[in-house]
Amino acid sequence: MYYTYIIELKNKAKYIGFSSDLKNRIKDHIIGSVSQTKNFRPIKLIFYAAFENKLRALKFEQYLKTPSGFAFRNKRLI
């Protein structure tokens, strides 16, 4: 399985990511192993979607980072 996820950072910003091992990836964010989020802990997982296909998970992550994906995220996911 592959996952696209959204976490909320301490400053209320949202971080969108992708992983094949969601549990360990979130753990990495929590302990500060991810350079993009280590200064914004604590974090909170607010959404994830599971995909059987890696390409679909990556494309969904890319979509969520676009202006229309941003609107979709705010209206439908969180």
PDB file of N, CA and C in Angstrom:
ATOM      1  N   MET A   1       0.832  -1.182   0.000  1.00  0.00           N
ATOM      2  CA  MET A   1       0.000   0.000   0.000  1.00  0.00           C
ATOM      3  C   MET A   1       0.879   1.248   0.000  1.00  0.00           C
ATOM      4  N   TYR A   2       0.316   2.292  -0.567  1.00  0.00           N
ATOM      5  CA  TYR A   2       0.977   3.605  -0.621  1.00  0.00           C
ATOM      6  C   TYR A   2      -0.002   4.630  -0.062  1.00  0.00           C
ATOM      7  N   TYR A   3       0.535   5.621   0.592  1.00  0.00           N
ATOM      8  CA  TYR A   3      -0.305   6.578   1.300  1.00  0.00           C
ATOM      9  C   TYR A   3       0.044   8.014   0.939  1.00  0.00           C
ATOM     10  N   THR A   4      -0.986   8.817   0.797  1.00  0.00           N
ATOM     11  CA  THR A   4      -0.850  10.268   0.723  1.00  0.00           C
ATOM     12  C   THR A   4      -1.445  10.781   2.023  1.00  0.00           C
ATOM     13  N   TYR A   5      -0.746  11.685   2.684  1.00  0.00           N
ATOM     14  CA  TYR A   5      -1.199  12.120   3.992  1.00  0.00           C
ATOM     15  C   TYR A   5      -1.076  13.629   4.152  1.00  0.00           C
ATOM     16  N   ILE A   6      -1.848  14.145   5.098  1.00  0.00           N
ATOM     17  CA  ILE A   6      -1.792  15.566   5.465  1.00  0.00           C
ATOM     18  C   ILE A   6      -1.593  15.626   6.970  1.00  0.00           C
ATOM     19  N   ILE A   7      -0.590  16.381   7.379  1.00  0.00           N
ATOM     20  CA  ILE A   7      -0.398  16.620   8.806  1.00  0.00           C
ATOM     21  C   ILE A   7      -0.531  18.112   9.071  1.00  0.00           C
ATOM     22  N   GLU A   8      -0.971  18.421  10.269  1.00  0.00           N
ATOM     23  CA  GLU A   8      -1.054  19.814  10.689  1.00  0.00           C
ATOM     24  C   GLU A   8       0.129  20.090  11.608  1.00  0.00           C
ATOM     25  N   LEU A   9       0.825  21.162  11.322  1.00  0.00           N
ATOM     26  CA  LEU A   9       1.992  21.542  12.096  1.00  0.00           C
ATOM     27  C   LEU A   9       1.600  22.441  13.260  1.00  0.00           C
ATOM     28  N   LYS A  10       2.549  22.693  14.141  1.00  0.00           N
ATOM     29  CA  LYS A  10       2.307  23.526  15.324  1.00  0.00           C
ATOM     30  C   LYS A  10       1.774  24.909  14.945  1.00  0.00           C
ATOM     31  N   ASN A  11       2.246  25.456  13.817  1.00  0.00           N
ATOM     32  CA  ASN A  11       1.815  26.793  13.393  1.00  0.00           C
ATOM     33  C   ASN A  11       0.532  26.753  12.555  1.00  0.00           C
ATOM     34  N   LYS A  12      -0.158  25.618  12.567  1.00  0.00           N
ATOM     35  CA  LYS A  12      -1.438  25.394  11.865  1.00  0.00           C
ATOM     36  C   LYS A  12      -1.281  25.246  10.350  1.00  0.00           C
ATOM     37  N   ALA A  13      -0.068  25.292   9.838  1.00  0.00           N
ATOM     38  CA  ALA A  13       0.170  25.028   8.415  1.00  0.00           C
ATOM     39  C   ALA A  13      -0.045  23.536   8.158  1.00  0.00           C
ATOM     40  N   LYS A  14      -0.319  23.203   6.913  1.00  0.00           N
ATOM     41  CA  LYS A  14      -0.527  21.811   6.526  1.00  0.00           C
ATOM     42  C   LYS A  14       0.664  21.340   5.703  1.00  0.00           C
ATOM     43  N   TYR A  15       1.087  20.104   5.945  1.00  0.00           N
ATOM     44  CA  TYR A  15       2.162  19.472   5.189  1.00  0.00           C
ATOM     45  C   TYR A  15       1.573  18.257   4.501  1.00  0.00           C
ATOM     46  N   ILE A  16       1.807  18.131   3.202  1.00  0.00           N
ATOM     47  CA  ILE A  16       1.280  17.022   2.416  1.00  0.00           C
ATOM     48  C   ILE A  16       2.444  16.138   2.027  1.00  0.00           C
ATOM     49  N   GLY A  17       2.292  14.838   2.244  1.00  0.00           N
ATOM     50  CA  GLY A  17       3.372  13.916   1.934  1.00  0.00           C
ATOM     51  C   GLY A  17       2.877  12.594   1.396  1.00  0.00           C
ATOM     52  N   PHE A  18       3.839  11.748   1.078  1.00  0.00           N
ATOM     53  CA  PHE A  18       3.591  10.442   0.494  1.00  0.00           C
ATOM     54  C   PHE A  18       4.517   9.435   1.172  1.00  0.00           C
ATOM     55  N   SER A  19       4.033   8.209   1.363  1.00  0.00           N
ATOM     56  CA  SER A  19       4.875   7.174   1.957  1.00  0.00           C
ATOM     57  C   SER A  19       4.323   5.792   1.643  1.00  0.00           C
ATOM     58  N   SER A  20       5.210   4.824   1.641  1.00  0.00           N
ATOM     59  CA  SER A  20       4.768   3.435   1.522  1.00  0.00           C
ATOM     60  C   SER A  20       4.617   2.808   2.911  1.00  0.00           C
ATOM     61  N   ASP A  21       5.069   3.511   3.937  1.00  0.00           N
ATOM     62  CA  ASP A  21       4.953   3.039   5.320  1.00  0.00           C
ATOM     63  C   ASP A  21       4.491   4.217   6.180  1.00  0.00           C
ATOM     64  N   LEU A  22       3.201   4.411   6.225  1.00  0.00           N
ATOM     65  CA  LEU A  22       2.635   5.584   6.886  1.00  0.00           C
ATOM     66  C   LEU A  22       2.987   5.640   8.375  1.00  0.00           C
ATOM     67  N   LYS A  23       2.893   4.527   9.041  1.00  0.00           N
ATOM     68  CA  LYS A  23       3.145   4.511  10.486  1.00  0.00           C
ATOM     69  C   LYS A  23       4.558   5.007  10.805  1.00  0.00           C
ATOM     70  N   ASN A  24       5.544   4.503  10.103  1.00  0.00           N
ATOM     71  CA  ASN A  24       6.920   4.935  10.356  1.00  0.00           C
ATOM     72  C   ASN A  24       7.181   6.360   9.883  1.00  0.00           C
ATOM     73  N   ARG A  25       6.537   6.768   8.810  1.00  0.00           N
ATOM     74  CA  ARG A  25       6.729   8.134   8.321  1.00  0.00           C
ATOM     75  C   ARG A  25       6.190   9.158   9.323  1.00  0.00           C
ATOM     76  N   ILE A  26       5.022   8.892   9.888  1.00  0.00           N
ATOM     77  CA  ILE A  26       4.464   9.792  10.895  1.00  0.00           C
ATOM     78  C   ILE A  26       5.369   9.795  12.130  1.00  0.00           C
ATOM     79  N   LYS A  27       5.877   8.627  12.497  1.00  0.00           N
ATOM     80  CA  LYS A  27       6.818   8.551  13.618  1.00  0.00           C
ATOM     81  C   LYS A  27       8.044   9.424  13.341  1.00  0.00           C
ATOM     82  N   ASP A  28       8.557   9.390  12.095  1.00  0.00           N
ATOM     83  CA  ASP A  28       9.697  10.236  11.723  1.00  0.00           C
ATOM     84  C   ASP A  28       9.372  11.719  11.898  1.00  0.00           C
ATOM     85  N   HIS A  29       8.174  12.108  11.513  1.00  0.00           N
ATOM     86  CA  HIS A  29       7.755  13.509  11.698  1.00  0.00           C
ATOM     87  C   HIS A  29       7.708  13.854  13.194  1.00  0.00           C
ATOM     88  N   ILE A  30       7.172  12.955  13.982  1.00  0.00           N
ATOM     89  CA  ILE A  30       7.001  13.205  15.417  1.00  0.00           C
ATOM     90  C   ILE A  30       8.349  13.354  16.126  1.00  0.00           C
ATOM     91  N   ILE A  31       9.318  12.517  15.790  1.00  0.00           N
ATOM     92  CA  ILE A  31      10.608  12.578  16.486  1.00  0.00           C
ATOM     93  C   ILE A  31      11.555  13.615  15.902  1.00  0.00           C
ATOM     94  N   GLY A  32      11.169  14.228  14.770  1.00  0.00           N
ATOM     95  CA  GLY A  32      11.981  15.299  14.199  1.00  0.00           C
ATOM     96  C   GLY A  32      12.990  14.863  13.166  1.00  0.00           C
ATOM     97  N   SER A  33      12.820  13.686  12.584  1.00  0.00           N
ATOM     98  CA  SER A  33      13.744  13.185  11.569  1.00  0.00           C
ATOM     99  C   SER A  33      13.514  13.795  10.180  1.00  0.00           C
ATOM    100  N   VAL A  34      12.397  14.473  10.002  1.00  0.00           N
ATOM    101  CA  VAL A  34      12.065  15.070   8.704  1.00  0.00           C
ATOM    102  C   VAL A  34      12.422  16.556   8.778  1.00  0.00           C
ATOM    103  N   SER A  35      13.380  16.961   7.961  1.00  0.00           N
ATOM    104  CA  SER A  35      13.903  18.329   8.061  1.00  0.00           C
ATOM    105  C   SER A  35      12.843  19.401   7.795  1.00  0.00           C
ATOM    106  N   GLN A  36      11.883  19.124   6.924  1.00  0.00           N
ATOM    107  CA  GLN A  36      10.866  20.119   6.593  1.00  0.00           C
ATOM    108  C   GLN A  36       9.905  20.393   7.738  1.00  0.00           C
ATOM    109  N   THR A  37       9.751  19.454   8.655  1.00  0.00           N
ATOM    110  CA  THR A  37       8.764  19.633   9.722  1.00  0.00           C
ATOM    111  C   THR A  37       9.353  19.626  11.131  1.00  0.00           C
ATOM    112  N   LYS A  38      10.639  19.375  11.267  1.00  0.00           N
ATOM    113  CA  LYS A  38      11.203  19.207  12.616  1.00  0.00           C
ATOM    114  C   LYS A  38      11.096  20.448  13.494  1.00  0.00           C
ATOM    115  N   ASN A  39      11.079  21.637  12.901  1.00  0.00           N
ATOM    116  CA  ASN A  39      10.968  22.861  13.695  1.00  0.00           C
ATOM    117  C   ASN A  39       9.529  23.276  13.962  1.00  0.00           C
ATOM    118  N   PHE A  40       8.572  22.463  13.521  1.00  0.00           N
ATOM    119  CA  PHE A  40       7.153  22.808  13.654  1.00  0.00           C
ATOM    120  C   PHE A  40       6.382  21.734  14.414  1.00  0.00           C
ATOM    121  N   ARG A  41       7.078  21.018  15.268  1.00  0.00           N
ATOM    122  CA  ARG A  41       6.426  20.003  16.080  1.00  0.00           C
ATOM    123  C   ARG A  41       5.786  20.654  17.298  1.00  0.00           C
ATOM    124  N   PRO A  42       4.729  20.099  17.852  1.00  0.00           N
ATOM    125  CA  PRO A  42       4.166  18.795  17.535  1.00  0.00           C
ATOM    126  C   PRO A  42       3.323  18.829  16.259  1.00  0.00           C
ATOM    127  N   ILE A  43       3.188  17.665  15.663  1.00  0.00           N
ATOM    128  CA  ILE A  43       2.379  17.523  14.451  1.00  0.00           C
ATOM    129  C   ILE A  43       1.161  16.659  14.771  1.00  0.00           C
ATOM    130  N   LYS A  44       0.164  16.732  13.894  1.00  0.00           N
ATOM    131  CA  LYS A  44      -1.039  15.920  14.070  1.00  0.00           C
ATOM    132  C   LYS A  44      -1.483  15.415  12.706  1.00  0.00           C
ATOM    133  N   LEU A  45      -1.642  14.116  12.568  1.00  0.00           N
ATOM    134  CA  LEU A  45      -2.151  13.530  11.328  1.00  0.00           C
ATOM    135  C   LEU A  45      -3.622  13.875  11.225  1.00  0.00           C
ATOM    136  N   ILE A  46      -4.008  14.545  10.124  1.00  0.00           N
ATOM    137  CA  ILE A  46      -5.421  14.929   9.993  1.00  0.00           C
ATOM    138  C   ILE A  46      -6.130  14.228   8.840  1.00  0.00           C
ATOM    139  N   PHE A  47      -5.359  13.619   7.921  1.00  0.00           N
ATOM    140  CA  PHE A  47      -5.973  12.900   6.803  1.00  0.00           C
ATOM    141  C   PHE A  47      -4.958  11.969   6.182  1.00  0.00           C
ATOM    142  N   TYR A  48      -5.437  10.818   5.725  1.00  0.00           N
ATOM    143  CA  TYR A  48      -4.612   9.975   4.854  1.00  0.00           C
ATOM    144  C   TYR A  48      -5.515   9.192   3.923  1.00  0.00           C
ATOM    145  N   ALA A  49      -4.967   8.843   2.773  1.00  0.00           N
ATOM    146  CA  ALA A  49      -5.670   8.020   1.793  1.00  0.00           C
ATOM    147  C   ALA A  49      -4.723   6.902   1.381  1.00  0.00           C
ATOM    148  N   ALA A  50      -5.246   5.692   1.261  1.00  0.00           N
ATOM    149  CA  ALA A  50      -4.447   4.531   0.878  1.00  0.00           C
ATOM    150  C   ALA A  50      -4.696   4.188  -0.585  1.00  0.00           C
ATOM    151  N   PHE A  51      -3.619   3.824  -1.267  1.00  0.00           N
ATOM    152  CA  PHE A  51      -3.680   3.465  -2.680  1.00  0.00           C
ATOM    153  C   PHE A  51      -2.906   2.175  -2.893  1.00  0.00           C
ATOM    154  N   GLU A  52      -3.388   1.323  -3.776  1.00  0.00           N
ATOM    155  CA  GLU A  52      -2.647   0.116  -4.138  1.00  0.00           C
ATOM    156  C   GLU A  52      -1.567   0.429  -5.158  1.00  0.00           C
ATOM    157  N   ASN A  53      -1.716   1.541  -5.848  1.00  0.00           N
ATOM    158  CA  ASN A  53      -0.815   1.909  -6.932  1.00  0.00           C
ATOM    159  C   ASN A  53       0.036   3.103  -6.510  1.00  0.00           C
ATOM    160  N   LYS A  54       1.353   2.980  -6.594  1.00  0.00           N
ATOM    161  CA  LYS A  54       2.263   4.048  -6.186  1.00  0.00           C
ATOM    162  C   LYS A  54       2.048   5.318  -7.002  1.00  0.00           C
ATOM    163  N   LEU A  55       1.868   5.179  -8.294  1.00  0.00           N
ATOM    164  CA  LEU A  55       1.691   6.340  -9.167  1.00  0.00           C
ATOM    165  C   LEU A  55       0.446   7.136  -8.791  1.00  0.00           C
ATOM    166  N   ARG A  56      -0.631   6.462  -8.464  1.00  0.00           N
ATOM    167  CA  ARG A  56      -1.858   7.176  -8.061  1.00  0.00           C
ATOM    168  C   ARG A  56      -1.660   7.947  -6.766  1.00  0.00           C
ATOM    169  N   ALA A  57      -0.950   7.358  -5.831  1.00  0.00           N
ATOM    170  CA  ALA A  57      -0.683   8.049  -4.562  1.00  0.00           C
ATOM    171  C   ALA A  57       0.174   9.288  -4.805  1.00  0.00           C
ATOM    172  N   LEU A  58       1.181   9.166  -5.646  1.00  0.00           N
ATOM    173  CA  LEU A  58       2.033  10.311  -5.954  1.00  0.00           C
ATOM    174  C   LEU A  58       1.265  11.397  -6.697  1.00  0.00           C
ATOM    175  N   LYS A  59       0.416  10.994  -7.623  1.00  0.00           N
ATOM    176  CA  LYS A  59      -0.373  11.982  -8.364  1.00  0.00           C
ATOM    177  C   LYS A  59      -1.367  12.696  -7.453  1.00  0.00           C
ATOM    178  N   PHE A  60      -1.945  11.977  -6.495  1.00  0.00           N
ATOM    179  CA  PHE A  60      -2.864  12.613  -5.556  1.00  0.00           C
ATOM    180  C   PHE A  60      -2.110  13.605  -4.672  1.00  0.00           C
ATOM    181  N   GLU A  61      -0.909  13.236  -4.247  1.00  0.00           N
ATOM    182  CA  GLU A  61      -0.089  14.172  -3.473  1.00  0.00           C
ATOM    183  C   GLU A  61       0.192  15.431  -4.291  1.00  0.00           C
ATOM    184  N   GLN A  62       0.593  15.265  -5.545  1.00  0.00           N
ATOM    185  CA  GLN A  62       0.875  16.419  -6.404  1.00  0.00           C
ATOM    186  C   GLN A  62      -0.370  17.267  -6.603  1.00  0.00           C
ATOM    187  N   TYR A  63      -1.525  16.626  -6.778  1.00  0.00           N
ATOM    188  CA  TYR A  63      -2.781  17.357  -6.955  1.00  0.00           C
ATOM    189  C   TYR A  63      -3.098  18.201  -5.724  1.00  0.00           C
ATOM    190  N   LEU A  64      -2.928  17.615  -4.536  1.00  0.00           N
ATOM    191  CA  LEU A  64      -3.249  18.354  -3.313  1.00  0.00           C
ATOM    192  C   LEU A  64      -2.374  19.579  -3.128  1.00  0.00           C
ATOM    193  N   LYS A  65      -1.240  19.632  -3.804  1.00  0.00           N
ATOM    194  CA  LYS A  65      -0.330  20.770  -3.707  1.00  0.00           C
ATOM    195  C   LYS A  65      -0.616  21.852  -4.746  1.00  0.00           C
ATOM    196  N   THR A  66      -1.618  21.631  -5.604  1.00  0.00           N
ATOM    197  CA  THR A  66      -2.014  22.630  -6.602  1.00  0.00           C
ATOM    198  C   THR A  66      -3.103  23.523  -6.019  1.00  0.00           C
ATOM    199  N   PRO A  67      -3.367  24.679  -6.641  1.00  0.00           N
ATOM    200  CA  PRO A  67      -4.454  25.546  -6.144  1.00  0.00           C
ATOM    201  C   PRO A  67      -5.818  24.850  -6.087  1.00  0.00           C
ATOM    202  N   SER A  68      -6.163  24.065  -7.103  1.00  0.00           N
ATOM    203  CA  SER A  68      -7.458  23.378  -7.058  1.00  0.00           C
ATOM    204  C   SER A  68      -7.445  22.267  -6.013  1.00  0.00           C
ATOM    205  N   GLY A  69      -6.310  21.610  -5.819  1.00  0.00           N
ATOM    206  CA  GLY A  69      -6.175  20.603  -4.780  1.00  0.00           C
ATOM    207  C   GLY A  69      -6.253  21.211  -3.398  1.00  0.00           C
ATOM    208  N   PHE A  70      -5.714  22.411  -3.256  1.00  0.00           N
ATOM    209  CA  PHE A  70      -5.789  23.149  -1.987  1.00  0.00           C
ATOM    210  C   PHE A  70      -7.252  23.415  -1.638  1.00  0.00           C
ATOM    211  N   ALA A  71      -8.025  23.853  -2.614  1.00  0.00           N
ATOM    212  CA  ALA A  71      -9.449  24.118  -2.390  1.00  0.00           C
ATOM    213  C   ALA A  71     -10.191  22.825  -2.061  1.00  0.00           C
ATOM    214  N   PHE A  72      -9.901  21.756  -2.796  1.00  0.00           N
ATOM    215  CA  PHE A  72     -10.522  20.452  -2.540  1.00  0.00           C
ATOM    216  C   PHE A  72     -10.188  19.976  -1.127  1.00  0.00           C
ATOM    217  N   ARG A  73      -8.935  20.104  -0.748  1.00  0.00           N
ATOM    218  CA  ARG A  73      -8.494  19.698   0.586  1.00  0.00           C
ATOM    219  C   ARG A  73      -9.287  20.415   1.668  1.00  0.00           C
ATOM    220  N   ASN A  74      -9.398  21.718   1.545  1.00  0.00           N
ATOM    221  CA  ASN A  74     -10.070  22.510   2.565  1.00  0.00           C
ATOM    222  C   ASN A  74     -11.586  22.282   2.599  1.00  0.00           C
ATOM    223  N   LYS A  75     -12.154  21.975   1.441  1.00  0.00           N
ATOM    224  CA  LYS A  75     -13.605  21.798   1.362  1.00  0.00           C
ATOM    225  C   LYS A  75     -14.044  20.379   1.698  1.00  0.00           C
ATOM    226  N   ARG A  76     -13.263  19.383   1.289  1.00  0.00           N
ATOM    227  CA  ARG A  76     -13.711  17.988   1.384  1.00  0.00           C
ATOM    228  C   ARG A  76     -12.941  17.115   2.375  1.00  0.00           C
ATOM    229  N   LEU A  77     -11.700  17.442   2.664  1.00  0.00           N
ATOM    230  CA  LEU A  77     -10.880  16.514   3.431  1.00  0.00           C
ATOM    231  C   LEU A  77     -10.666  16.914   4.890  1.00  0.00           C
ATOM    232  N   ILE A  78     -10.574  18.228   5.139  1.00  0.00           N
ATOM    233  CA  ILE A  78     -10.268  18.630   6.522  1.00  0.00           C
ATOM    234  C   ILE A  78     -11.292  19.633   7.027  1.00  0.00           C
TER     235      ILE A  78
END
